[in-house]
Amino acid sequence: MEKEHVKCLIVGGGPAGYTAAIYAARAGLSPVLYEGVQPGGQLTTTTDIENFPGFENGIDGTRLMDTMRAQAVRLGADVRMGAITSADLSSRPFSVTADEKTPIEAETLIIATGAAAKYLGLPSEQAFRGMGVSACATCDGFFYRGKDVAVVGGGDTACEEATYLASICRKVYMIVRRDVLRASTAMQERVMNTPNIEILWNCNTQEVLGDQSGVTGARLLRKDGETFDIAVDGFFLAIGHHPNSEIFSAWVNVDSEGYIITDGKTSRTSVEGVFAAGDVQDPLYRQAVTAAASGCRAALDAEKFLISHKNA
């Protein structure tokens, strides 16, 4: 099969990928975007988004992504369902394969494959995703103002999310499977000095409890075998994220967690002509607005790269 040649290939259909497509299309790069296995990214698993600029009354996550996608298409981006399943970035133009059968060569590549939150794997947890179960306190904590919530985890992220939630919620339970926190000393002290945080040591979650209105509690199992329930309206996972970088990590530099390393404030990776945007290269902020901003940078970087290599 003859390879399709594209100027700018974008991999990933979340806020970073769609924004990159919008900017690349306006720059005349005729971008082709493959949305991946979860078109719209993690935002499609949330309900109302209150903190994305421009929407006074908030907006549904799926609707926001559909709107971004439609804007990219209107401006000329070729947005396709499907996933990039293999890549060879050893030379330009880069060779990739879509859906294990369609060969493509790309002059530039923007990786915007995102990161997936780690979950416990409980059926009840999946049943209440978007109905009280969340992996982002900054995104969804607002909806539990004045209520009782639980945070699963004992690392820096869990402590940070617990202290944030404690500032707006009535009570925060931290569910920690060991008898110590893994977090830094400073974060531990912050948690210990927050009066409305209660740490439930040596506990694992057996089941998320709820009804048709959403989460109502959690059933926990202590290390000594005791089972007990807590009443909460929100159940937050803070046990880490996994960047979706596996296909490209043999070619571009990644950190110990698998996040793609970019050069300073740019989106440039260790491979010339390959750029990364969004959560796949951002272990710190992980917000839709920062992902969109990095998608903008990636498209601008790709445009500059193509201009500078036009006669090369």
C-alpha atoms as a PDB file:
ATOM      1  CA  MET A   1       0.000   0.000   0.000  1.00  0.00           C
ATOM      2  CA  GLU A   2       1.318   3.419  -0.982  1.00  0.00           C
ATOM      3  CA  LYS A   3       2.115   5.682   1.945  1.00  0.00           C
ATOM      4  CA  GLU A   4       0.034   8.790   2.445  1.00  0.00           C
ATOM      5  CA  HIS A   5       2.226  11.880   2.859  1.00  0.00           C
ATOM      6  CA  VAL A   6       1.167  14.604   5.293  1.00  0.00           C
ATOM      7  CA  LYS A   7       2.830  17.812   6.443  1.00  0.00           C
ATOM      8  CA  CYS A   8       1.621  17.643  10.015  1.00  0.00           C
ATOM      9  CA  LEU A   9       0.311  14.517  11.715  1.00  0.00           C
ATOM     10  CA  ILE A  10      -1.359  14.947  15.111  1.00  0.00           C
ATOM     11  CA  VAL A  11      -1.893  11.930  17.333  1.00  0.00           C
ATOM     12  CA  GLY A  12      -4.578  12.309  19.976  1.00  0.00           C
ATOM     13  CA  GLY A  13      -8.023  13.869  20.090  1.00  0.00           C
ATOM     14  CA  GLY A  14      -8.134  15.712  23.436  1.00  0.00           C
ATOM     15  CA  PRO A  15      -7.851  19.471  24.049  1.00  0.00           C
ATOM     16  CA  ALA A  16      -4.141  19.458  23.126  1.00  0.00           C
ATOM     17  CA  GLY A  17      -4.661  17.597  19.862  1.00  0.00           C
ATOM     18  CA  TYR A  18      -7.726  19.544  18.749  1.00  0.00           C
ATOM     19  CA  THR A  19      -6.103  22.893  19.558  1.00  0.00           C
ATOM     20  CA  ALA A  20      -2.980  21.878  17.663  1.00  0.00           C
ATOM     21  CA  ALA A  21      -5.210  20.982  14.708  1.00  0.00           C
ATOM     22  CA  ILE A  22      -6.952  24.362  14.861  1.00  0.00           C
ATOM     23  CA  TYR A  23      -3.673  26.274  14.772  1.00  0.00           C
ATOM     24  CA  ALA A  24      -2.048  23.975  12.208  1.00  0.00           C
ATOM     25  CA  ALA A  25      -5.058  24.256   9.902  1.00  0.00           C
ATOM     26  CA  ARG A  26      -5.027  28.049  10.094  1.00  0.00           C
ATOM     27  CA  ALA A  27      -1.309  27.973   9.274  1.00  0.00           C
ATOM     28  CA  GLY A  28      -2.008  26.023   6.095  1.00  0.00           C
ATOM     29  CA  LEU A  29      -0.310  22.813   7.267  1.00  0.00           C
ATOM     30  CA  SER A  30      -3.223  20.587   6.191  1.00  0.00           C
ATOM     31  CA  PRO A  31      -3.067  18.637   9.462  1.00  0.00           C
ATOM     32  CA  VAL A  32      -4.292  15.070   9.762  1.00  0.00           C
ATOM     33  CA  LEU A  33      -5.422  14.118  13.270  1.00  0.00           C
ATOM     34  CA  TYR A  34      -6.050  10.596  14.535  1.00  0.00           C
ATOM     35  CA  GLU A  35      -8.294  10.716  17.598  1.00  0.00           C
ATOM     36  CA  GLY A  36      -7.163   7.481  19.242  1.00  0.00           C
ATOM     37  CA  VAL A  37      -9.172   5.008  21.271  1.00  0.00           C
ATOM     38  CA  GLN A  38     -10.880   7.734  23.342  1.00  0.00           C
ATOM     39  CA  PRO A  39     -11.912  10.634  21.083  1.00  0.00           C
ATOM     40  CA  GLY A  40     -12.099  13.763  23.190  1.00  0.00           C
ATOM     41  CA  GLY A  41      -9.749  12.369  25.832  1.00  0.00           C
ATOM     42  CA  GLN A  42     -10.330  12.313  29.589  1.00  0.00           C
ATOM     43  CA  LEU A  43     -12.766  15.234  29.472  1.00  0.00           C
ATOM     44  CA  THR A  44     -15.398  12.967  27.948  1.00  0.00           C
ATOM     45  CA  THR A  45     -15.529  11.096  31.275  1.00  0.00           C
ATOM     46  CA  THR A  46     -16.489  14.240  33.209  1.00  0.00           C
ATOM     47  CA  THR A  47     -19.789  16.071  33.344  1.00  0.00           C
ATOM     48  CA  ASP A  48     -19.858  19.831  33.922  1.00  0.00           C
ATOM     49  CA  ILE A  49     -16.588  21.729  33.509  1.00  0.00           C
ATOM     50  CA  GLU A  50     -16.611  24.973  35.471  1.00  0.00           C
ATOM     51  CA  ASN A  51     -13.013  26.139  34.982  1.00  0.00           C
ATOM     52  CA  PHE A  52     -12.532  26.315  31.210  1.00  0.00           C
ATOM     53  CA  PRO A  53     -12.496  29.987  30.173  1.00  0.00           C
ATOM     54  CA  GLY A  54     -15.327  31.333  28.041  1.00  0.00           C
ATOM     55  CA  PHE A  55     -18.232  29.362  29.495  1.00  0.00           C
ATOM     56  CA  GLU A  56     -19.912  31.442  32.190  1.00  0.00           C
ATOM     57  CA  ASN A  57     -22.255  28.661  33.256  1.00  0.00           C
ATOM     58  CA  GLY A  58     -19.876  25.779  32.632  1.00  0.00           C
ATOM     59  CA  ILE A  59     -20.033  23.219  29.839  1.00  0.00           C
ATOM     60  CA  ASP A  60     -20.355  19.462  29.566  1.00  0.00           C
ATOM     61  CA  GLY A  61     -16.976  17.806  28.908  1.00  0.00           C
ATOM     62  CA  THR A  62     -18.120  15.856  25.858  1.00  0.00           C
ATOM     63  CA  ARG A  63     -19.792  18.944  24.391  1.00  0.00           C
ATOM     64  CA  LEU A  64     -16.635  20.994  24.852  1.00  0.00           C
ATOM     65  CA  MET A  65     -14.587  18.368  23.010  1.00  0.00           C
ATOM     66  CA  ASP A  66     -17.199  18.058  20.244  1.00  0.00           C
ATOM     67  CA  THR A  67     -17.069  21.834  19.811  1.00  0.00           C
ATOM     68  CA  MET A  68     -13.252  21.870  19.619  1.00  0.00           C
ATOM     69  CA  ARG A  69     -13.341  19.023  17.099  1.00  0.00           C
ATOM     70  CA  ALA A  70     -15.933  20.800  14.932  1.00  0.00           C
ATOM     71  CA  GLN A  71     -13.863  23.988  14.988  1.00  0.00           C
ATOM     72  CA  ALA A  72     -10.773  22.097  13.819  1.00  0.00           C
ATOM     73  CA  VAL A  73     -12.752  20.444  11.013  1.00  0.00           C
ATOM     74  CA  ARG A  74     -14.314  23.754   9.914  1.00  0.00           C
ATOM     75  CA  LEU A  75     -10.850  25.280   9.594  1.00  0.00           C
ATOM     76  CA  GLY A  76      -9.667  22.436   7.394  1.00  0.00           C
ATOM     77  CA  ALA A  77      -8.190  19.774   9.666  1.00  0.00           C
ATOM     78  CA  ASP A  78      -8.688  16.187   8.551  1.00  0.00           C
ATOM     79  CA  VAL A  79      -9.899  14.573  11.785  1.00  0.00           C
ATOM     80  CA  ARG A  80     -10.120  10.791  11.631  1.00  0.00           C
ATOM     81  CA  MET A  81     -11.362   8.058  13.891  1.00  0.00           C
ATOM     82  CA  GLY A  82      -8.674   5.463  14.527  1.00  0.00           C
ATOM     83  CA  ALA A  83      -5.383   5.072  16.324  1.00  0.00           C
ATOM     84  CA  ILE A  84      -1.707   5.180  15.453  1.00  0.00           C
ATOM     85  CA  THR A  85      -0.482   1.691  16.300  1.00  0.00           C
ATOM     86  CA  SER A  86       3.240   1.837  15.431  1.00  0.00           C
ATOM     87  CA  ALA A  87       5.869   4.419  14.592  1.00  0.00           C
ATOM     88  CA  ASP A  88       9.390   4.718  13.200  1.00  0.00           C
ATOM     89  CA  LEU A  89      10.895   8.105  14.021  1.00  0.00           C
ATOM     90  CA  SER A  90      14.447   7.255  12.981  1.00  0.00           C
ATOM     91  CA  SER A  91      14.354   9.592   9.975  1.00  0.00           C
ATOM     92  CA  ARG A  92      12.197  12.208   8.289  1.00  0.00           C
ATOM     93  CA  PRO A  93       9.632  11.909   6.939  1.00  0.00           C
ATOM     94  CA  PHE A  94       8.479   9.824   9.866  1.00  0.00           C
ATOM     95  CA  SER A  95       6.746   6.522   9.219  1.00  0.00           C
ATOM     96  CA  VAL A  96       3.685   5.561  11.225  1.00  0.00           C
ATOM     97  CA  THR A  97       0.901   3.040  10.832  1.00  0.00           C
ATOM     98  CA  ALA A  98      -2.751   3.745  11.575  1.00  0.00           C
ATOM     99  CA  ASP A  99      -5.009   0.926  12.774  1.00  0.00           C
ATOM    100  CA  GLU A 100      -2.237  -1.617  12.059  1.00  0.00           C
ATOM    101  CA  LYS A 101      -2.765  -1.356   8.301  1.00  0.00           C
ATOM    102  CA  THR A 102      -2.585   2.202   6.926  1.00  0.00           C
ATOM    103  CA  PRO A 103       0.960   3.539   6.305  1.00  0.00           C
ATOM    104  CA  ILE A 104       1.550   7.271   6.638  1.00  0.00           C
ATOM    105  CA  GLU A 105       4.667   9.406   6.338  1.00  0.00           C
ATOM    106  CA  ALA A 106       4.723  12.743   8.114  1.00  0.00           C
ATOM    107  CA  GLU A 107       7.032  15.730   7.790  1.00  0.00           C
ATOM    108  CA  THR A 108       6.193  16.732  11.366  1.00  0.00           C
ATOM    109  CA  LEU A 109       4.529  14.853  14.192  1.00  0.00           C
ATOM    110  CA  ILE A 110       2.649  16.220  17.206  1.00  0.00           C
ATOM    111  CA  ILE A 111       2.131  13.691  19.987  1.00  0.00           C
ATOM    112  CA  ALA A 112      -0.941  14.575  22.062  1.00  0.00           C
ATOM    113  CA  THR A 113      -1.922  11.152  23.344  1.00  0.00           C
ATOM    114  CA  GLY A 114      -2.611  12.272  26.909  1.00  0.00           C
ATOM    115  CA  ALA A 115      -2.342  10.335  30.132  1.00  0.00           C
ATOM    116  CA  ALA A 116      -4.747   7.950  31.781  1.00  0.00           C
ATOM    117  CA  ALA A 117      -5.605   8.214  35.463  1.00  0.00           C
ATOM    118  CA  LYS A 118      -4.970   5.058  37.441  1.00  0.00           C
ATOM    119  CA  TYR A 119      -8.069   3.511  38.990  1.00  0.00           C
ATOM    120  CA  LEU A 120      -8.546   0.727  41.526  1.00  0.00           C
ATOM    121  CA  GLY A 121     -10.321  -1.512  39.032  1.00  0.00           C
ATOM    122  CA  LEU A 122     -13.528  -1.968  41.038  1.00  0.00           C
ATOM    123  CA  PRO A 123     -16.776  -2.484  39.077  1.00  0.00           C
ATOM    124  CA  SER A 124     -18.561  -0.085  41.433  1.00  0.00           C
ATOM    125  CA  GLU A 125     -15.859   2.516  40.839  1.00  0.00           C
ATOM    126  CA  GLN A 126     -16.451   2.340  37.092  1.00  0.00           C
ATOM    127  CA  ALA A 127     -20.219   2.412  37.569  1.00  0.00           C
ATOM    128  CA  PHE A 128     -20.046   5.775  39.357  1.00  0.00           C
ATOM    129  CA  ARG A 129     -17.432   7.497  37.194  1.00  0.00           C
ATOM    130  CA  GLY A 130     -18.761  10.978  36.554  1.00  0.00           C
ATOM    131  CA  MET A 131     -21.378  10.444  39.300  1.00  0.00           C
ATOM    132  CA  GLY A 132     -19.127  11.068  42.286  1.00  0.00           C
ATOM    133  CA  VAL A 133     -16.006   9.156  41.292  1.00  0.00           C
ATOM    134  CA  SER A 134     -13.285  11.410  39.914  1.00  0.00           C
ATOM    135  CA  ALA A 135      -9.546  11.436  39.330  1.00  0.00           C
ATOM    136  CA  CYS A 136      -9.221  15.224  39.400  1.00  0.00           C
ATOM    137  CA  ALA A 137      -9.992  17.235  42.525  1.00  0.00           C
ATOM    138  CA  THR A 138      -9.165  20.520  40.792  1.00  0.00           C
ATOM    139  CA  CYS A 139     -11.650  19.707  38.046  1.00  0.00           C
ATOM    140  CA  ASP A 140     -14.534  18.368  40.132  1.00  0.00           C
ATOM    141  CA  GLY A 141     -13.995  19.429  43.732  1.00  0.00           C
ATOM    142  CA  PHE A 142     -16.225  22.482  43.303  1.00  0.00           C
ATOM    143  CA  PHE A 143     -19.297  20.250  43.065  1.00  0.00           C
ATOM    144  CA  TYR A 144     -18.690  18.939  46.600  1.00  0.00           C
ATOM    145  CA  ARG A 145     -18.400  22.255  48.387  1.00  0.00           C
ATOM    146  CA  GLY A 146     -19.537  21.819  51.980  1.00  0.00           C
ATOM    147  CA  LYS A 147     -19.855  18.031  51.614  1.00  0.00           C
ATOM    148  CA  ASP A 148     -17.866  15.000  52.791  1.00  0.00           C
ATOM    149  CA  VAL A 149     -15.433  13.362  50.358  1.00  0.00           C
ATOM    150  CA  ALA A 150     -12.729  10.688  50.273  1.00  0.00           C
ATOM    151  CA  VAL A 151      -9.302  10.702  48.622  1.00  0.00           C
ATOM    152  CA  VAL A 152      -7.505   7.441  47.838  1.00  0.00           C
ATOM    153  CA  GLY A 153      -3.711   7.566  48.005  1.00  0.00           C
ATOM    154  CA  GLY A 154      -0.793   8.434  50.230  1.00  0.00           C
ATOM    155  CA  GLY A 155       1.643  10.277  47.983  1.00  0.00           C
ATOM    156  CA  ASP A 156       2.222  13.943  47.223  1.00  0.00           C
ATOM    157  CA  THR A 157      -0.664  14.101  44.760  1.00  0.00           C
ATOM    158  CA  ALA A 158      -3.100  12.596  47.260  1.00  0.00           C
ATOM    159  CA  CYS A 159      -1.973  15.001  49.983  1.00  0.00           C
ATOM    160  CA  GLU A 160      -2.215  17.964  47.632  1.00  0.00           C
ATOM    161  CA  GLU A 161      -5.706  16.985  46.487  1.00  0.00           C
ATOM    162  CA  ALA A 162      -6.834  16.308  50.059  1.00  0.00           C
ATOM    163  CA  THR A 163      -5.678  19.713  51.296  1.00  0.00           C
ATOM    164  CA  TYR A 164      -7.311  21.419  48.324  1.00  0.00           C
ATOM    165  CA  LEU A 165     -10.582  19.603  48.966  1.00  0.00           C
ATOM    166  CA  ALA A 166     -10.338  20.373  52.685  1.00  0.00           C
ATOM    167  CA  SER A 167     -10.459  24.080  51.829  1.00  0.00           C
ATOM    168  CA  ILE A 168     -13.906  23.729  50.257  1.00  0.00           C
ATOM    169  CA  CYS A 169     -15.388  20.536  51.706  1.00  0.00           C
ATOM    170  CA  ARG A 170     -16.705  19.829  55.184  1.00  0.00           C
ATOM    171  CA  LYS A 171     -14.693  16.647  55.755  1.00  0.00           C
ATOM    172  CA  VAL A 172     -12.018  14.796  53.799  1.00  0.00           C
ATOM    173  CA  TYR A 173     -11.126  11.169  54.455  1.00  0.00           C
ATOM    174  CA  MET A 174      -7.763   9.991  53.162  1.00  0.00           C
ATOM    175  CA  ILE A 175      -7.825   6.256  52.453  1.00  0.00           C
ATOM    176  CA  VAL A 176      -4.236   5.014  52.838  1.00  0.00           C
ATOM    177  CA  ARG A 177      -3.362   1.353  52.398  1.00  0.00           C
ATOM    178  CA  ARG A 178      -0.232   1.532  54.570  1.00  0.00           C
ATOM    179  CA  ASP A 179       0.489   2.946  58.030  1.00  0.00           C
ATOM    180  CA  VAL A 180       2.589   5.796  56.624  1.00  0.00           C
ATOM    181  CA  LEU A 181       2.275   8.429  53.907  1.00  0.00           C
ATOM    182  CA  ARG A 182       4.637   8.263  50.941  1.00  0.00           C
ATOM    183  CA  ALA A 183       4.420  12.014  50.488  1.00  0.00           C
ATOM    184  CA  SER A 184       7.206  14.499  51.162  1.00  0.00           C
ATOM    185  CA  THR A 185       7.629  15.771  54.722  1.00  0.00           C
ATOM    186  CA  ALA A 186       6.203  19.172  53.801  1.00  0.00           C
ATOM    187  CA  MET A 187       3.064  17.652  52.288  1.00  0.00           C
ATOM    188  CA  GLN A 188       2.605  15.318  55.250  1.00  0.00           C
ATOM    189  CA  GLU A 189       2.818  18.250  57.655  1.00  0.00           C
ATOM    190  CA  ARG A 190       0.249  20.152  55.630  1.00  0.00           C
ATOM    191  CA  VAL A 191      -2.174  17.230  55.860  1.00  0.00           C
ATOM    192  CA  MET A 192      -1.558  16.663  59.574  1.00  0.00           C
ATOM    193  CA  ASN A 193      -2.175  20.353  60.282  1.00  0.00           C
ATOM    194  CA  THR A 194      -5.498  20.417  58.430  1.00  0.00           C
ATOM    195  CA  PRO A 195      -8.193  19.710  61.024  1.00  0.00           C
ATOM    196  CA  ASN A 196     -10.917  18.468  58.664  1.00  0.00           C
ATOM    197  CA  ILE A 197      -8.732  15.756  57.093  1.00  0.00           C
ATOM    198  CA  GLU A 198      -8.988  12.325  58.706  1.00  0.00           C
ATOM    199  CA  ILE A 199      -6.528   9.645  57.616  1.00  0.00           C
ATOM    200  CA  LEU A 200      -7.848   6.082  57.539  1.00  0.00           C
ATOM    201  CA  TRP A 201      -4.666   4.025  57.857  1.00  0.00           C
ATOM    202  CA  ASN A 202      -4.164   0.457  56.600  1.00  0.00           C
ATOM    203  CA  CYS A 203      -7.349   0.581  54.544  1.00  0.00           C
ATOM    204  CA  ASN A 204      -8.292  -0.641  51.088  1.00  0.00           C
ATOM    205  CA  THR A 205     -11.501   0.170  49.266  1.00  0.00           C
ATOM    206  CA  GLN A 206     -13.726  -2.847  48.737  1.00  0.00           C
ATOM    207  CA  GLU A 207     -16.614  -1.077  47.062  1.00  0.00           C
ATOM    208  CA  VAL A 208     -17.890   2.374  46.147  1.00  0.00           C
ATOM    209  CA  LEU A 209     -21.440   2.747  47.431  1.00  0.00           C
ATOM    210  CA  GLY A 210     -24.180   4.711  45.735  1.00  0.00           C
ATOM    211  CA  ASP A 211     -27.613   4.913  44.146  1.00  0.00           C
ATOM    212  CA  GLN A 212     -29.187   6.473  41.086  1.00  0.00           C
ATOM    213  CA  SER A 213     -28.183   9.942  42.284  1.00  0.00           C
ATOM    214  CA  GLY A 214     -24.488   9.034  42.570  1.00  0.00           C
ATOM    215  CA  VAL A 215     -21.926   8.134  45.217  1.00  0.00           C
ATOM    216  CA  THR A 216     -23.163   7.862  48.809  1.00  0.00           C
ATOM    217  CA  GLY A 217     -20.187   6.205  50.484  1.00  0.00           C
ATOM    218  CA  ALA A 218     -17.411   3.631  50.397  1.00  0.00           C
ATOM    219  CA  ARG A 219     -16.889   0.230  52.011  1.00  0.00           C
ATOM    220  CA  LEU A 220     -13.378  -0.172  53.384  1.00  0.00           C
ATOM    221  CA  LEU A 221     -11.350  -3.134  54.597  1.00  0.00           C
ATOM    222  CA  ARG A 222      -8.716  -2.648  57.272  1.00  0.00           C
ATOM    223  CA  LYS A 223      -5.547  -4.677  57.332  1.00  0.00           C
ATOM    224  CA  ASP A 224      -6.819  -6.483  60.469  1.00  0.00           C
ATOM    225  CA  GLY A 225      -9.889  -7.730  58.588  1.00  0.00           C
ATOM    226  CA  GLU A 226     -12.431  -5.187  59.859  1.00  0.00           C
ATOM    227  CA  THR A 227     -14.920  -3.953  57.271  1.00  0.00           C
ATOM    228  CA  PHE A 228     -16.680  -0.613  57.714  1.00  0.00           C
ATOM    229  CA  ASP A 229     -18.492   2.033  55.677  1.00  0.00           C
ATOM    230  CA  ILE A 230     -17.956   5.764  55.408  1.00  0.00           C
ATOM    231  CA  ALA A 231     -20.549   8.221  54.088  1.00  0.00           C
ATOM    232  CA  VAL A 232     -19.188  10.487  51.329  1.00  0.00           C
ATOM    233  CA  ASP A 233     -20.588  12.297  48.311  1.00  0.00           C
ATOM    234  CA  GLY A 234     -17.329  12.340  46.333  1.00  0.00           C
ATOM    235  CA  PHE A 235     -14.678   9.653  45.853  1.00  0.00           C
ATOM    236  CA  PHE A 236     -11.386  10.929  44.422  1.00  0.00           C
ATOM    237  CA  LEU A 237      -8.571   8.745  43.074  1.00  0.00           C
ATOM    238  CA  ALA A 238      -5.059  10.137  43.553  1.00  0.00           C
ATOM    239  CA  ILE A 239      -2.896   7.102  42.870  1.00  0.00           C
ATOM    240  CA  GLY A 240      -1.156   8.422  39.798  1.00  0.00           C
ATOM    241  CA  HIS A 241      -1.428   8.780  36.031  1.00  0.00           C
ATOM    242  CA  HIS A 242       0.062   6.785  33.187  1.00  0.00           C
ATOM    243  CA  PRO A 243       1.213   8.758  30.106  1.00  0.00           C
ATOM    244  CA  ASN A 244       0.194   7.179  26.817  1.00  0.00           C
ATOM    245  CA  SER A 245       3.672   7.341  25.320  1.00  0.00           C
ATOM    246  CA  GLU A 246       4.565   3.676  24.748  1.00  0.00           C
ATOM    247  CA  ILE A 247       4.498   3.775  20.949  1.00  0.00           C
ATOM    248  CA  PHE A 248       6.944   6.677  20.836  1.00  0.00           C
ATOM    249  CA  SER A 249       9.157   6.076  23.889  1.00  0.00           C
ATOM    250  CA  ALA A 250      11.674   4.040  21.861  1.00  0.00           C
ATOM    251  CA  TRP A 251      12.422   7.186  19.843  1.00  0.00           C
ATOM    252  CA  VAL A 252      11.887  10.263  22.034  1.00  0.00           C
ATOM    253  CA  ASN A 253      13.311  10.866  25.497  1.00  0.00           C
ATOM    254  CA  VAL A 254      10.924  10.169  28.372  1.00  0.00           C
ATOM    255  CA  ASP A 255      11.312  10.492  32.134  1.00  0.00           C
ATOM    256  CA  SER A 256      11.178   7.665  34.666  1.00  0.00           C
ATOM    257  CA  GLU A 257       7.368   7.726  34.614  1.00  0.00           C
ATOM    258  CA  GLY A 258       7.115   7.697  30.824  1.00  0.00           C
ATOM    259  CA  TYR A 259       6.266  11.383  30.305  1.00  0.00           C
ATOM    260  CA  ILE A 260       7.792  12.774  27.112  1.00  0.00           C
ATOM    261  CA  ILE A 261      10.531  15.308  27.857  1.00  0.00           C
ATOM    262  CA  THR A 262      10.242  18.604  25.991  1.00  0.00           C
ATOM    263  CA  ASP A 263      12.830  21.339  25.573  1.00  0.00           C
ATOM    264  CA  GLY A 264      12.242  24.177  28.025  1.00  0.00           C
ATOM    265  CA  LYS A 265       9.075  26.130  27.295  1.00  0.00           C
ATOM    266  CA  THR A 266       8.802  24.679  23.805  1.00  0.00           C
ATOM    267  CA  SER A 267       7.074  21.492  22.663  1.00  0.00           C
ATOM    268  CA  ARG A 268      10.218  20.142  20.994  1.00  0.00           C
ATOM    269  CA  THR A 269      11.191  16.575  21.833  1.00  0.00           C
ATOM    270  CA  SER A 270      14.603  14.946  21.456  1.00  0.00           C
ATOM    271  CA  VAL A 271      13.740  14.137  17.823  1.00  0.00           C
ATOM    272  CA  GLU A 272      13.800  17.049  15.362  1.00  0.00           C
ATOM    273  CA  GLY A 273      10.375  17.557  13.850  1.00  0.00           C
ATOM    274  CA  VAL A 274       8.546  15.696  16.645  1.00  0.00           C
ATOM    275  CA  PHE A 275       6.616  17.730  19.198  1.00  0.00           C
ATOM    276  CA  ALA A 276       4.611  16.789  22.284  1.00  0.00           C
ATOM    277  CA  ALA A 277       1.627  18.524  23.844  1.00  0.00           C
ATOM    278  CA  GLY A 278      -0.804  17.997  26.680  1.00  0.00           C
ATOM    279  CA  ASP A 279      -0.779  15.467  29.486  1.00  0.00           C
ATOM    280  CA  VAL A 280       1.634  13.098  27.738  1.00  0.00           C
ATOM    281  CA  GLN A 281       4.379  15.611  28.590  1.00  0.00           C
ATOM    282  CA  ASP A 282       2.855  17.339  31.628  1.00  0.00           C
ATOM    283  CA  PRO A 283       2.921  15.439  34.937  1.00  0.00           C
ATOM    284  CA  LEU A 284       2.281  18.615  36.927  1.00  0.00           C
ATOM    285  CA  TYR A 285      -0.800  20.589  35.853  1.00  0.00           C
ATOM    286  CA  ARG A 286      -2.957  18.139  33.856  1.00  0.00           C
ATOM    287  CA  GLN A 287      -5.694  20.675  33.080  1.00  0.00           C
ATOM    288  CA  ALA A 288      -7.702  21.096  29.897  1.00  0.00           C
ATOM    289  CA  VAL A 289      -6.689  24.733  29.527  1.00  0.00           C
ATOM    290  CA  THR A 290      -2.965  23.998  29.920  1.00  0.00           C
ATOM    291  CA  ALA A 291      -3.265  21.097  27.479  1.00  0.00           C
ATOM    292  CA  ALA A 292      -4.943  23.390  24.947  1.00  0.00           C
ATOM    293  CA  ALA A 293      -2.187  25.978  25.410  1.00  0.00           C
ATOM    294  CA  SER A 294       0.510  23.371  24.812  1.00  0.00           C
ATOM    295  CA  GLY A 295      -1.335  22.228  21.673  1.00  0.00           C
ATOM    296  CA  CYS A 296      -1.109  25.797  20.416  1.00  0.00           C
ATOM    297  CA  ARG A 297       2.649  25.847  21.110  1.00  0.00           C
ATOM    298  CA  ALA A 298       3.154  22.528  19.345  1.00  0.00           C
ATOM    299  CA  ALA A 299       1.421  23.728  16.182  1.00  0.00           C
ATOM    300  CA  LEU A 300       3.412  26.961  16.165  1.00  0.00           C
ATOM    301  CA  ASP A 301       6.640  25.019  16.719  1.00  0.00           C
ATOM    302  CA  ALA A 302       5.759  22.637  13.889  1.00  0.00           C
ATOM    303  CA  GLU A 303       5.003  25.565  11.574  1.00  0.00           C
ATOM    304  CA  LYS A 304       8.360  27.204  12.356  1.00  0.00           C
ATOM    305  CA  PHE A 305      10.145  23.902  11.850  1.00  0.00           C
ATOM    306  CA  LEU A 306       8.592  23.370   8.420  1.00  0.00           C
ATOM    307  CA  ILE A 307       9.440  26.911   7.349  1.00  0.00           C
ATOM    308  CA  SER A 308      13.055  26.566   8.459  1.00  0.00           C
ATOM    309  CA  HIS A 309      13.416  23.189   6.700  1.00  0.00           C
ATOM    310  CA  LYS A 310      11.586  24.153   3.543  1.00  0.00           C
ATOM    311  CA  ASN A 311      14.731  24.376   1.464  1.00  0.00           C
ATOM    312  CA  ALA A 312      16.820  22.037   3.580  1.00  0.00           C
END
